[in-house]
Protein backbone atom coordinates (compact mmCIF):
# COMPACT_ATOMS: atom_id res chain seq x y z
CA MET A 1 15.06 11.82 15.57
CA SER A 2 11.51 13.35 15.06
CA ARG A 3 8.77 11.87 13.48
CA GLN A 4 5.75 13.34 11.73
CA SER A 5 2.46 11.40 11.46
CA ILE A 6 0.90 11.45 7.62
CA HIS A 7 -2.72 11.35 7.45
CA THR A 8 -5.05 11.60 4.38
CA ASP A 9 -8.93 10.94 4.09
CA ALA A 10 -8.01 9.84 0.65
CA ALA A 11 -7.15 6.60 2.00
CA PRO A 12 -8.55 4.64 4.68
CA ALA A 13 -8.39 5.22 8.02
CA ALA A 14 -6.24 3.22 10.22
CA ILE A 15 -7.94 0.50 11.96
CA GLY A 16 -5.71 0.04 14.85
CA PRO A 17 -2.97 1.91 17.14
CA TYR A 18 -1.33 3.45 13.64
CA SER A 19 -0.55 5.85 11.59
CA GLN A 20 -1.42 5.83 7.43
CA ALA A 21 2.77 6.57 7.18
CA VAL A 22 5.41 8.32 9.53
CA ARG A 23 7.88 10.13 7.92
CA SER A 24 11.34 10.43 9.57
CA GLY A 25 13.81 12.48 7.44
CA GLN A 26 13.53 12.00 4.06
CA MET A 27 12.29 8.90 4.76
CA VAL A 28 8.48 7.31 4.75
CA PHE A 29 7.19 4.26 5.98
CA LEU A 30 4.19 3.55 4.97
CA SER A 31 1.69 1.22 7.08
CA GLY A 32 -0.35 -1.54 5.11
CA GLN A 33 -2.94 -0.47 2.61
CA ILE A 34 -5.40 -3.18 2.01
CA PRO A 35 -8.73 -2.89 -0.58
CA LEU A 36 -10.61 -0.64 1.62
CA ASP A 37 -13.35 2.00 -0.03
CA PRO A 38 -11.93 5.18 1.88
CA ALA A 39 -14.94 6.94 1.72
CA THR A 40 -16.92 3.98 3.12
CA GLY A 41 -13.86 1.46 4.88
CA VAL A 42 -16.10 -1.55 3.04
CA LEU A 43 -13.62 -3.79 1.62
CA VAL A 44 -13.66 -3.60 -2.14
CA GLY A 45 -15.95 -6.13 -4.53
CA GLY A 46 -13.71 -8.18 -7.46
CA ASP A 47 -10.92 -10.45 -8.03
CA ILE A 48 -7.47 -10.16 -6.99
CA SER A 49 -6.72 -7.79 -9.70
CA ALA A 50 -9.46 -4.94 -8.39
CA GLN A 51 -8.60 -5.66 -4.88
CA ALA A 52 -4.70 -5.10 -5.67
CA ARG A 53 -5.61 -2.06 -7.91
CA ARG A 54 -7.53 -0.25 -4.45
CA ALA A 55 -5.07 -1.12 -2.08
CA PHE A 56 -2.30 0.50 -4.67
CA ASP A 57 -4.63 3.73 -5.22
CA ASN A 58 -4.86 3.79 -1.60
CA LEU A 59 -1.24 4.14 -0.88
CA LYS A 60 -0.45 6.21 -3.81
CA ALA A 61 -2.75 8.86 -1.74
CA VAL A 62 -0.88 8.22 1.12
CA CYS A 63 2.31 8.92 -0.66
CA GLU A 64 1.36 11.95 -1.79
CA ALA A 65 -0.14 12.78 1.42
CA ALA A 66 3.64 12.65 2.19
CA GLY A 67 4.68 14.85 -0.57
CA GLY A 68 5.86 12.25 -2.71
CA SER A 69 4.29 9.65 -4.85
CA LEU A 70 4.49 5.98 -6.23
CA ASP A 71 8.01 6.90 -8.14
CA SER A 72 9.22 8.09 -4.76
CA ILE A 73 9.00 4.40 -3.23
CA VAL A 74 11.96 2.33 -2.80
CA ARG A 75 10.53 -0.97 -1.55
CA ILE A 76 7.51 -2.55 -1.65
CA GLY A 77 5.98 -5.52 0.74
CA LEU A 78 3.15 -7.61 -1.00
CA TYR A 79 1.18 -9.48 1.01
CA VAL A 80 -1.26 -12.22 -0.98
CA THR A 81 -3.69 -14.72 0.91
CA ASP A 82 -2.79 -17.01 -2.06
CA LEU A 83 0.54 -17.14 -4.39
CA GLY A 84 -1.67 -18.41 -7.06
CA ASP A 85 -2.44 -14.87 -7.17
CA PHE A 86 1.07 -13.73 -7.81
CA ALA A 87 0.98 -12.84 -11.89
CA ALA A 88 -2.42 -11.00 -11.77
CA VAL A 89 -0.88 -8.67 -8.47
CA ASN A 90 2.55 -8.61 -10.27
CA ALA A 91 0.21 -7.31 -13.67
CA VAL A 92 -1.29 -4.40 -11.35
CA MET A 93 1.68 -3.88 -10.26
CA ALA A 94 3.51 -2.87 -13.21
CA ASP A 95 0.41 -0.40 -14.16
CA CYS A 96 1.33 1.16 -11.36
CA PHE A 97 5.15 1.50 -11.33
CA SER A 98 8.19 2.11 -13.74
CA ALA A 99 11.60 1.61 -14.01
CA PRO A 100 13.24 1.34 -12.09
CA TYR A 101 11.15 -0.76 -9.69
CA PRO A 102 11.49 -0.72 -6.19
CA ALA A 103 12.99 -3.40 -4.32
CA ARG A 104 10.38 -6.07 -3.29
CA SER A 105 9.24 -8.81 -1.48
CA THR A 106 5.73 -11.35 -1.75
CA ILE A 107 4.95 -13.53 0.97
CA GLU A 108 2.01 -15.53 1.62
CA VAL A 109 -0.07 -15.08 4.62
CA SER A 110 -2.90 -17.33 6.10
CA ALA A 111 -5.10 -14.15 6.51
CA LEU A 112 -5.80 -10.55 6.23
CA PRO A 113 -7.05 -8.20 7.96
CA LYS A 114 -11.13 -7.85 7.08
CA GLY A 115 -10.86 -10.61 4.51
CA ALA A 116 -8.15 -8.85 2.02
CA ALA A 117 -6.98 -11.22 -0.57
CA VAL A 118 -3.78 -8.52 -0.64
CA GLU A 119 -2.39 -5.98 1.38
CA VAL A 120 0.86 -3.94 0.43
CA ASP A 121 3.36 -1.50 2.69
CA ALA A 122 5.87 0.72 1.31
CA ILE A 123 9.06 2.51 2.02
CA MET A 124 9.87 5.79 0.28
CA VAL A 125 12.37 8.80 0.09
CA ILE A 126 11.49 12.04 -0.82
CA GLY A 127 13.53 14.94 -0.60
């Protein structure tokens, strides 16, 4: 099995010993993206909608670096620090994707890196 690391400067650099994504065959496994500004590495300000939008924009950049798009995603994992934000994050996701939507789980967590309120990871199939 071959693995190819995916990297783009259009998304935040990894903040640990991992790749932004790894491609194996037609599958691409995208690491979690939090709402960091890729130019500064600083968490974006604003409400949960602004944070979710930035996280999805970061995910989109990694998808494109791997040769795909958000429409190539088959599964999304959403992690939020407050399930009360579910509707707002859902609305942002609805703006980013079209039917048929990816499979998804949404999980409330106690904390996320750098104090983010949302993180998103994904599996994409290309080719």
